[in-house]
């Protein structure tokens, strides 16, 4: 089963390595990982989409993450109402006679063309993973030259508070 786990960590060298090693040692596959600065100076936010066998394994990984020195907060947001997005950049073969067809595919997905050359175009799409995946499947017949995806970034909707916050420190 897929779990979406969000971490707030100190922005220090080696933190990401220690976290990914923890998943690896326990034989959990990271399907997606996204890291970036958070709203607090000196801290980063990590969003991991992880495949685990059951709820017990999910609880185990959450407890292990909380034991890490530079981890401030761990939240499993899988069962909450969340906002989740992913970004993909797709370079597609686009000779002049197929461009109108490609543009007609781009519009319903609210994607955008960010670069055009003589024989290709680069498309940017954001949205939930299913939307990105559906667009990639639709554009494949035109010939994908390059593809880069960011992984899922997520957090709970509105003012929800996590029921699984294990550790939290005040930030001064």
N, C-alpha and C. Protein backbone atom coordinates (compact mmCIF):
# COMPACT_ATOMS: atom_id res chain seq x y z
N UNK A 1 0.83 -1.17 0.00
CA UNK A 1 0.00 0.00 0.00
C UNK A 1 0.88 1.24 0.00
N UNK A 2 0.44 2.25 -0.72
CA UNK A 2 1.19 3.51 -0.79
C UNK A 2 0.89 4.37 0.42
N UNK A 3 1.94 5.00 0.96
CA UNK A 3 1.80 5.94 2.07
C UNK A 3 2.49 7.23 1.68
N UNK A 4 1.90 8.36 2.05
CA UNK A 4 2.51 9.67 1.82
C UNK A 4 2.97 10.18 3.17
N UNK A 5 4.29 10.31 3.30
CA UNK A 5 4.89 10.72 4.57
C UNK A 5 5.61 12.04 4.36
N UNK A 6 5.27 13.02 5.20
CA UNK A 6 5.91 14.33 5.14
C UNK A 6 6.80 14.51 6.36
N UNK A 7 7.98 15.05 6.12
CA UNK A 7 8.94 15.29 7.20
C UNK A 7 9.37 16.74 7.17
N UNK A 8 9.55 17.30 8.33
CA UNK A 8 10.22 18.58 8.47
C UNK A 8 11.56 18.25 9.10
N UNK A 9 12.65 18.69 8.44
CA UNK A 9 13.99 18.33 8.89
C UNK A 9 14.87 19.57 8.94
N UNK A 10 15.93 19.48 9.70
CA UNK A 10 16.94 20.53 9.71
C UNK A 10 17.65 20.47 8.36
N UNK A 11 17.94 21.61 7.79
CA UNK A 11 18.59 21.68 6.48
C UNK A 11 20.10 21.58 6.68
N UNK A 12 20.56 20.34 6.85
CA UNK A 12 21.98 20.08 7.10
C UNK A 12 22.49 19.00 6.14
N UNK A 13 23.79 19.00 5.89
CA UNK A 13 24.35 17.97 5.01
C UNK A 13 24.13 16.56 5.57
N UNK A 14 23.78 15.63 4.70
CA UNK A 14 23.64 14.23 5.07
C UNK A 14 22.27 13.80 5.56
N UNK A 15 21.36 14.75 5.80
CA UNK A 15 20.04 14.41 6.33
C UNK A 15 19.28 13.52 5.34
N UNK A 16 19.23 13.92 4.10
CA UNK A 16 18.50 13.15 3.09
C UNK A 16 19.10 11.75 2.95
N UNK A 17 20.41 11.65 2.98
CA UNK A 17 21.08 10.36 2.88
C UNK A 17 20.69 9.44 4.04
N UNK A 18 20.67 9.97 5.25
CA UNK A 18 20.30 9.15 6.41
C UNK A 18 18.85 8.68 6.32
N UNK A 19 17.98 9.54 5.83
CA UNK A 19 16.57 9.17 5.71
C UNK A 19 16.36 8.10 4.64
N UNK A 20 16.98 8.27 3.49
CA UNK A 20 16.81 7.27 2.43
C UNK A 20 17.46 5.94 2.83
N UNK A 21 18.56 5.99 3.56
CA UNK A 21 19.18 4.76 4.06
C UNK A 21 18.26 4.02 5.02
N UNK A 22 17.52 4.77 5.83
CA UNK A 22 16.58 4.15 6.76
C UNK A 22 15.52 3.36 5.99
N UNK A 23 14.98 3.95 4.92
CA UNK A 23 14.00 3.25 4.09
C UNK A 23 14.64 2.01 3.46
N UNK A 24 15.83 2.16 2.95
CA UNK A 24 16.53 1.07 2.27
C UNK A 24 16.81 -0.10 3.21
N UNK A 25 17.29 0.19 4.41
CA UNK A 25 17.62 -0.86 5.37
C UNK A 25 16.39 -1.70 5.75
N UNK A 26 15.23 -1.09 5.71
CA UNK A 26 14.00 -1.79 6.06
C UNK A 26 13.28 -2.34 4.84
N UNK A 27 13.95 -2.24 3.68
CA UNK A 27 13.44 -2.80 2.43
C UNK A 27 12.12 -2.15 1.97
N UNK A 28 11.98 -0.83 2.21
CA UNK A 28 10.83 -0.08 1.73
C UNK A 28 11.23 0.63 0.45
N UNK A 29 10.39 0.55 -0.56
CA UNK A 29 10.68 1.20 -1.83
C UNK A 29 10.13 2.62 -1.83
N UNK A 30 10.98 3.59 -2.08
CA UNK A 30 10.55 4.98 -2.22
C UNK A 30 10.11 5.17 -3.67
N UNK A 31 8.82 5.40 -3.87
CA UNK A 31 8.30 5.61 -5.22
C UNK A 31 8.54 7.04 -5.69
N UNK A 32 8.55 7.96 -4.74
CA UNK A 32 8.74 9.36 -5.08
C UNK A 32 9.28 10.08 -3.85
N UNK A 33 10.20 11.01 -4.08
CA UNK A 33 10.71 11.83 -2.98
C UNK A 33 10.93 13.24 -3.50
N UNK A 34 10.48 14.20 -2.73
CA UNK A 34 10.59 15.60 -3.11
C UNK A 34 11.10 16.37 -1.91
N UNK A 35 12.11 17.21 -2.11
CA UNK A 35 12.72 17.97 -1.02
C UNK A 35 12.83 19.43 -1.41
N UNK A 36 12.54 20.30 -0.48
CA UNK A 36 12.70 21.73 -0.73
C UNK A 36 12.67 22.50 0.58
N UNK A 37 13.04 23.76 0.51
CA UNK A 37 13.02 24.61 1.70
C UNK A 37 11.60 24.75 2.21
N UNK A 38 11.44 24.90 3.52
CA UNK A 38 10.12 25.09 4.12
C UNK A 38 9.92 26.56 4.46
N UNK A 39 8.82 26.83 5.13
CA UNK A 39 8.51 28.21 5.53
C UNK A 39 9.39 28.69 6.69
N UNK A 40 10.12 27.77 7.32
CA UNK A 40 11.01 28.11 8.43
C UNK A 40 12.46 28.11 7.97
N UNK A 41 13.18 29.17 8.28
CA UNK A 41 14.58 29.27 7.87
C UNK A 41 15.40 28.13 8.49
N UNK A 42 16.24 27.53 7.68
CA UNK A 42 17.10 26.46 8.15
C UNK A 42 16.43 25.10 8.18
N UNK A 43 15.20 25.00 7.67
CA UNK A 43 14.49 23.73 7.65
C UNK A 43 14.00 23.41 6.25
N UNK A 44 13.92 22.13 5.97
CA UNK A 44 13.42 21.66 4.69
C UNK A 44 12.23 20.74 4.90
N UNK A 45 11.46 20.60 3.86
CA UNK A 45 10.30 19.71 3.88
C UNK A 45 10.57 18.58 2.88
N UNK A 46 10.37 17.35 3.33
CA UNK A 46 10.54 16.18 2.48
C UNK A 46 9.20 15.48 2.38
N UNK A 47 8.78 15.18 1.16
CA UNK A 47 7.57 14.41 0.93
C UNK A 47 7.98 13.11 0.27
N UNK A 48 7.67 12.00 0.91
CA UNK A 48 8.00 10.67 0.39
C UNK A 48 6.72 9.90 0.10
N UNK A 49 6.66 9.29 -1.06
CA UNK A 49 5.60 8.33 -1.34
C UNK A 49 6.30 6.97 -1.28
N UNK A 50 5.85 6.14 -0.34
CA UNK A 50 6.53 4.89 -0.03
C UNK A 50 5.55 3.73 -0.14
N UNK A 51 6.02 2.62 -0.66
CA UNK A 51 5.20 1.41 -0.70
C UNK A 51 5.56 0.56 0.52
N UNK A 52 4.55 0.29 1.37
CA UNK A 52 4.73 -0.56 2.55
C UNK A 52 3.71 -1.68 2.52
N UNK A 53 3.98 -2.75 3.27
CA UNK A 53 3.10 -3.91 3.26
C UNK A 53 1.79 -3.67 4.00
N UNK A 54 1.87 -3.03 5.18
CA UNK A 54 0.68 -2.87 6.01
C UNK A 54 0.83 -1.67 6.95
N UNK A 55 -0.21 -1.44 7.77
CA UNK A 55 -0.19 -0.31 8.70
C UNK A 55 0.91 -0.45 9.75
N UNK A 56 1.22 -1.67 10.14
CA UNK A 56 2.27 -1.90 11.13
C UNK A 56 3.62 -1.43 10.59
N UNK A 57 3.89 -1.73 9.33
CA UNK A 57 5.15 -1.30 8.71
C UNK A 57 5.20 0.21 8.60
N UNK A 58 4.06 0.82 8.30
CA UNK A 58 3.99 2.28 8.21
C UNK A 58 4.28 2.91 9.57
N UNK A 59 3.72 2.35 10.60
CA UNK A 59 3.97 2.85 11.96
C UNK A 59 5.44 2.68 12.34
N UNK A 60 6.03 1.56 11.95
CA UNK A 60 7.44 1.29 12.24
C UNK A 60 8.33 2.34 11.58
N UNK A 61 8.09 2.62 10.30
CA UNK A 61 8.94 3.59 9.59
C UNK A 61 8.77 4.98 10.19
N UNK A 62 7.55 5.34 10.59
CA UNK A 62 7.31 6.64 11.21
C UNK A 62 8.09 6.77 12.52
N UNK A 63 8.07 5.72 13.33
CA UNK A 63 8.81 5.74 14.60
C UNK A 63 10.32 5.83 14.35
N UNK A 64 10.81 5.09 13.38
CA UNK A 64 12.23 5.13 13.06
C UNK A 64 12.66 6.50 12.56
N UNK A 65 11.82 7.13 11.74
CA UNK A 65 12.14 8.47 11.24
C UNK A 65 12.20 9.47 12.39
N UNK A 66 11.30 9.32 13.35
CA UNK A 66 11.28 10.23 14.50
C UNK A 66 12.53 10.11 15.36
N UNK A 67 13.24 9.00 15.29
CA UNK A 67 14.46 8.81 16.07
C UNK A 67 15.66 9.52 15.44
N UNK A 68 15.53 9.94 14.20
CA UNK A 68 16.63 10.62 13.52
C UNK A 68 16.86 11.99 14.16
N UNK A 69 18.12 12.34 14.37
CA UNK A 69 18.48 13.57 15.08
C UNK A 69 17.95 14.83 14.40
N UNK A 70 18.11 14.94 13.09
CA UNK A 70 17.73 16.17 12.39
C UNK A 70 16.27 16.22 11.95
N UNK A 71 15.48 15.22 12.32
CA UNK A 71 14.06 15.19 11.96
C UNK A 71 13.28 15.93 13.05
N UNK A 72 12.54 16.94 12.64
CA UNK A 72 11.74 17.74 13.57
C UNK A 72 10.33 17.17 13.71
N UNK A 73 9.72 16.81 12.58
CA UNK A 73 8.34 16.33 12.60
C UNK A 73 8.14 15.31 11.49
N UNK A 74 7.38 14.26 11.78
CA UNK A 74 7.01 13.24 10.81
C UNK A 74 5.50 13.13 10.81
N UNK A 75 4.91 13.18 9.62
CA UNK A 75 3.46 13.10 9.51
C UNK A 75 3.09 12.16 8.37
N UNK A 76 2.31 11.15 8.65
CA UNK A 76 1.77 10.27 7.61
C UNK A 76 0.41 10.87 7.23
N UNK A 77 0.34 11.46 6.04
CA UNK A 77 -0.88 12.18 5.64
C UNK A 77 -1.75 11.37 4.66
N UNK A 78 -1.45 10.11 4.51
CA UNK A 78 -2.14 9.27 3.54
C UNK A 78 -3.65 9.28 3.72
N UNK A 79 -4.12 9.18 4.95
CA UNK A 79 -5.55 9.05 5.21
C UNK A 79 -6.25 10.39 5.41
N UNK A 80 -5.54 11.49 5.18
CA UNK A 80 -6.13 12.82 5.32
C UNK A 80 -6.51 13.37 3.95
N UNK A 81 -7.30 14.40 3.96
CA UNK A 81 -7.60 15.12 2.72
C UNK A 81 -6.38 16.00 2.44
N UNK A 82 -5.72 15.76 1.29
CA UNK A 82 -4.46 16.44 1.01
C UNK A 82 -4.48 17.18 -0.31
N UNK A 83 -3.54 18.09 -0.44
CA UNK A 83 -3.24 18.75 -1.71
C UNK A 83 -1.92 18.15 -2.15
N UNK A 84 -1.91 17.51 -3.34
CA UNK A 84 -0.70 16.85 -3.83
C UNK A 84 -0.48 17.24 -5.28
N UNK A 85 0.75 17.58 -5.63
CA UNK A 85 1.07 17.96 -7.00
C UNK A 85 2.42 17.40 -7.40
N UNK A 86 2.58 17.28 -8.70
CA UNK A 86 3.81 16.81 -9.31
C UNK A 86 4.05 17.66 -10.55
N UNK A 87 5.29 17.83 -10.92
CA UNK A 87 5.66 18.57 -12.13
C UNK A 87 6.39 17.62 -13.06
N UNK A 88 6.08 17.72 -14.35
CA UNK A 88 6.81 16.96 -15.35
C UNK A 88 7.19 17.88 -16.50
N UNK A 89 8.41 17.71 -17.00
CA UNK A 89 8.87 18.38 -18.21
C UNK A 89 9.05 17.28 -19.25
N UNK A 90 8.41 17.48 -20.40
CA UNK A 90 8.42 16.44 -21.43
C UNK A 90 8.84 17.06 -22.76
N UNK A 91 9.96 16.57 -23.31
CA UNK A 91 10.40 17.01 -24.63
C UNK A 91 9.87 16.00 -25.64
N UNK A 92 9.06 16.48 -26.59
CA UNK A 92 8.38 15.63 -27.54
C UNK A 92 8.82 15.98 -28.96
N UNK A 93 8.94 14.95 -29.80
CA UNK A 93 9.18 15.21 -31.22
C UNK A 93 7.98 15.97 -31.76
N UNK A 94 8.23 17.08 -32.42
CA UNK A 94 7.12 17.89 -32.92
C UNK A 94 7.51 18.54 -34.24
N UNK A 95 7.34 17.81 -35.30
CA UNK A 95 7.56 18.40 -36.62
C UNK A 95 6.37 19.29 -36.92
N UNK A 96 6.52 20.26 -37.80
CA UNK A 96 5.46 21.25 -38.02
C UNK A 96 4.06 20.67 -38.28
N UNK A 97 3.95 19.55 -38.98
CA UNK A 97 2.61 19.04 -39.29
C UNK A 97 1.92 18.33 -38.11
N UNK A 98 2.64 18.03 -37.02
CA UNK A 98 2.00 17.41 -35.85
C UNK A 98 1.78 18.39 -34.70
N UNK A 99 2.27 19.59 -34.82
CA UNK A 99 2.18 20.55 -33.69
C UNK A 99 0.75 20.90 -33.31
N UNK A 100 -0.11 21.08 -34.29
CA UNK A 100 -1.50 21.41 -33.96
C UNK A 100 -2.16 20.27 -33.19
N UNK A 101 -1.87 19.04 -33.56
CA UNK A 101 -2.42 17.89 -32.81
C UNK A 101 -1.91 17.91 -31.37
N UNK A 102 -0.63 18.17 -31.21
CA UNK A 102 -0.04 18.19 -29.86
C UNK A 102 -0.65 19.32 -29.04
N UNK A 103 -0.83 20.50 -29.64
CA UNK A 103 -1.46 21.61 -28.92
C UNK A 103 -2.88 21.25 -28.49
N UNK A 104 -3.60 20.49 -29.31
CA UNK A 104 -4.96 20.10 -28.94
C UNK A 104 -4.97 19.12 -27.76
N UNK A 105 -3.90 18.37 -27.57
CA UNK A 105 -3.79 17.48 -26.42
C UNK A 105 -3.39 18.24 -25.15
N UNK A 106 -2.59 19.26 -25.32
CA UNK A 106 -2.08 20.04 -24.20
C UNK A 106 -3.19 20.83 -23.50
N UNK A 107 -4.06 21.44 -24.28
CA UNK A 107 -5.07 22.35 -23.74
C UNK A 107 -5.97 21.73 -22.66
N UNK A 108 -6.58 20.55 -22.86
CA UNK A 108 -7.46 20.00 -21.81
C UNK A 108 -6.73 19.66 -20.50
N UNK A 109 -5.44 19.44 -20.57
CA UNK A 109 -4.67 19.10 -19.38
C UNK A 109 -4.11 20.34 -18.69
N UNK A 110 -4.38 21.50 -19.25
CA UNK A 110 -3.86 22.77 -18.73
C UNK A 110 -2.33 22.76 -18.63
N UNK A 111 -1.71 22.07 -19.55
CA UNK A 111 -0.26 22.06 -19.64
C UNK A 111 0.18 23.27 -20.45
N UNK A 112 1.46 23.51 -20.52
CA UNK A 112 1.94 24.64 -21.31
C UNK A 112 3.23 24.27 -22.04
N UNK A 113 3.40 24.91 -23.19
CA UNK A 113 4.62 24.73 -23.97
C UNK A 113 5.61 25.76 -23.47
N UNK A 114 6.81 25.29 -23.05
CA UNK A 114 7.79 26.23 -22.51
C UNK A 114 9.01 26.39 -23.40
N UNK A 115 9.10 25.54 -24.46
CA UNK A 115 10.21 25.69 -25.41
C UNK A 115 9.81 25.01 -26.71
N UNK A 116 10.18 25.66 -27.81
CA UNK A 116 9.90 25.10 -29.14
C UNK A 116 11.17 25.21 -29.97
N UNK A 117 11.49 24.14 -30.67
CA UNK A 117 12.61 24.16 -31.60
C UNK A 117 12.09 23.63 -32.94
N UNK A 118 13.00 23.49 -33.89
CA UNK A 118 12.62 23.07 -35.23
C UNK A 118 11.93 21.70 -35.24
N UNK A 119 12.42 20.78 -34.42
CA UNK A 119 11.87 19.43 -34.46
C UNK A 119 11.34 18.90 -33.13
N UNK A 120 11.21 19.78 -32.12
CA UNK A 120 10.69 19.33 -30.83
C UNK A 120 10.02 20.47 -30.07
N UNK A 121 9.28 20.10 -29.04
CA UNK A 121 8.73 21.09 -28.12
C UNK A 121 8.79 20.51 -26.71
N UNK A 122 8.97 21.40 -25.74
CA UNK A 122 9.02 20.98 -24.34
C UNK A 122 7.75 21.45 -23.67
N UNK A 123 7.09 20.51 -23.00
CA UNK A 123 5.80 20.75 -22.36
C UNK A 123 5.98 20.62 -20.86
N UNK A 124 5.32 21.53 -20.15
CA UNK A 124 5.31 21.51 -18.68
C UNK A 124 3.90 21.16 -18.24
N UNK A 125 3.77 20.18 -17.35
CA UNK A 125 2.46 19.82 -16.80
C UNK A 125 2.59 19.66 -15.30
N UNK A 126 1.60 20.17 -14.58
CA UNK A 126 1.55 20.00 -13.13
C UNK A 126 0.19 19.43 -12.76
N UNK A 127 0.17 18.70 -11.68
CA UNK A 127 -1.09 18.13 -11.20
C UNK A 127 -0.83 16.88 -10.39
N UNK A 128 -1.90 16.16 -10.09
CA UNK A 128 -1.76 14.92 -9.36
C UNK A 128 -1.07 13.89 -10.26
N UNK A 129 -0.46 12.92 -9.65
CA UNK A 129 0.32 11.92 -10.39
C UNK A 129 -0.49 11.24 -11.48
N UNK A 130 -1.76 10.95 -11.21
CA UNK A 130 -2.61 10.29 -12.21
C UNK A 130 -2.79 11.15 -13.45
N UNK A 131 -2.94 12.45 -13.26
CA UNK A 131 -3.10 13.37 -14.38
C UNK A 131 -1.82 13.41 -15.22
N UNK A 132 -0.68 13.51 -14.56
CA UNK A 132 0.61 13.55 -15.26
C UNK A 132 0.81 12.25 -16.04
N UNK A 133 0.50 11.14 -15.40
CA UNK A 133 0.64 9.82 -16.03
C UNK A 133 -0.27 9.70 -17.26
N UNK A 134 -1.49 10.17 -17.14
CA UNK A 134 -2.44 10.11 -18.27
C UNK A 134 -1.94 10.95 -19.44
N UNK A 135 -1.39 12.12 -19.15
CA UNK A 135 -0.87 12.97 -20.23
C UNK A 135 0.33 12.32 -20.91
N UNK A 136 1.21 11.73 -20.14
CA UNK A 136 2.38 11.06 -20.70
C UNK A 136 1.95 9.92 -21.62
N UNK A 137 0.97 9.14 -21.19
CA UNK A 137 0.46 8.05 -22.03
C UNK A 137 -0.13 8.58 -23.33
N UNK A 138 -0.79 9.72 -23.26
CA UNK A 138 -1.42 10.31 -24.45
C UNK A 138 -0.41 10.88 -25.43
N UNK A 139 0.68 11.40 -24.92
CA UNK A 139 1.68 12.07 -25.77
C UNK A 139 2.74 11.09 -26.29
N UNK A 140 2.84 9.89 -25.72
CA UNK A 140 3.85 8.89 -26.12
C UNK A 140 3.90 8.62 -27.62
N UNK A 141 2.77 8.46 -28.29
CA UNK A 141 2.83 8.14 -29.73
C UNK A 141 3.57 9.18 -30.58
N UNK A 142 3.72 10.39 -30.08
CA UNK A 142 4.42 11.44 -30.83
C UNK A 142 5.93 11.33 -30.68
N UNK A 143 6.38 10.54 -29.71
CA UNK A 143 7.81 10.32 -29.52
C UNK A 143 8.38 11.21 -28.43
N UNK A 144 8.53 10.66 -27.24
CA UNK A 144 9.12 11.40 -26.13
C UNK A 144 10.63 11.31 -26.24
N UNK A 145 11.27 12.48 -26.35
CA UNK A 145 12.74 12.53 -26.42
C UNK A 145 13.36 12.53 -25.03
N UNK A 146 12.77 13.30 -24.12
CA UNK A 146 13.26 13.39 -22.74
C UNK A 146 12.07 13.58 -21.81
N UNK A 147 12.23 13.09 -20.58
CA UNK A 147 11.17 13.22 -19.59
C UNK A 147 11.81 13.39 -18.22
N UNK A 148 11.36 14.38 -17.46
CA UNK A 148 11.83 14.60 -16.08
C UNK A 148 10.61 14.90 -15.21
N UNK A 149 10.53 14.18 -14.08
CA UNK A 149 9.42 14.37 -13.13
C UNK A 149 9.98 14.70 -11.75
N UNK A 150 9.25 15.54 -11.02
CA UNK A 150 9.73 15.98 -9.71
C UNK A 150 9.41 15.04 -8.58
N UNK A 151 8.39 14.24 -8.69
CA UNK A 151 7.89 13.48 -7.55
C UNK A 151 6.81 14.28 -6.87
N UNK A 152 6.06 13.64 -6.02
CA UNK A 152 4.91 14.26 -5.37
C UNK A 152 5.34 15.19 -4.25
N UNK A 153 4.70 16.35 -4.19
CA UNK A 153 4.82 17.26 -3.06
C UNK A 153 3.41 17.41 -2.50
N UNK A 154 3.25 17.30 -1.19
CA UNK A 154 1.90 17.29 -0.62
C UNK A 154 1.89 17.82 0.80
N UNK A 155 0.71 18.28 1.21
CA UNK A 155 0.42 18.55 2.62
C UNK A 155 -1.09 18.56 2.83
N UNK A 156 -1.54 18.49 4.09
CA UNK A 156 -2.99 18.43 4.35
C UNK A 156 -3.70 19.71 3.89
N UNK A 157 -4.94 19.54 3.48
CA UNK A 157 -5.76 20.68 3.07
C UNK A 157 -6.11 21.54 4.28
N UNK A 158 -6.36 22.81 4.03
CA UNK A 158 -6.88 23.73 5.03
C UNK A 158 -6.11 23.75 6.33
N UNK A 159 -6.85 23.69 7.43
CA UNK A 159 -6.25 23.82 8.75
C UNK A 159 -6.21 22.50 9.51
N UNK A 160 -6.22 21.38 8.80
CA UNK A 160 -6.17 20.08 9.45
C UNK A 160 -4.89 19.93 10.26
N UNK A 161 -4.99 19.27 11.37
CA UNK A 161 -3.81 18.96 12.17
C UNK A 161 -3.58 17.47 12.07
N UNK A 162 -2.37 17.09 12.01
CA UNK A 162 -2.03 15.69 11.87
C UNK A 162 -2.31 14.92 13.16
N UNK A 163 -2.85 13.73 13.02
CA UNK A 163 -3.10 12.89 14.18
C UNK A 163 -1.87 12.06 14.52
N UNK A 164 -0.85 12.08 13.66
CA UNK A 164 0.31 11.22 13.90
C UNK A 164 1.60 12.02 14.09
N UNK A 165 1.50 13.26 14.54
CA UNK A 165 2.71 14.01 14.83
C UNK A 165 3.40 13.34 16.00
N UNK A 166 4.61 12.93 15.83
CA UNK A 166 5.32 12.21 16.86
C UNK A 166 6.22 13.13 17.67
N UNK A 167 6.87 14.06 17.01
CA UNK A 167 7.85 14.91 17.64
C UNK A 167 7.63 16.30 17.11
N UNK A 168 7.65 17.29 17.94
CA UNK A 168 7.58 18.63 17.40
C UNK A 168 8.28 19.57 18.36
N UNK A 169 9.05 20.48 17.82
CA UNK A 169 9.81 21.42 18.61
C UNK A 169 9.42 22.82 18.19
N UNK A 170 9.44 23.75 19.12
CA UNK A 170 9.14 25.12 18.74
C UNK A 170 10.34 25.70 18.02
N UNK A 171 10.03 26.53 17.06
CA UNK A 171 11.08 27.12 16.23
C UNK A 171 11.24 28.57 16.64
N UNK A 172 12.45 28.90 17.01
CA UNK A 172 12.72 30.25 17.49
C UNK A 172 13.46 31.01 16.45
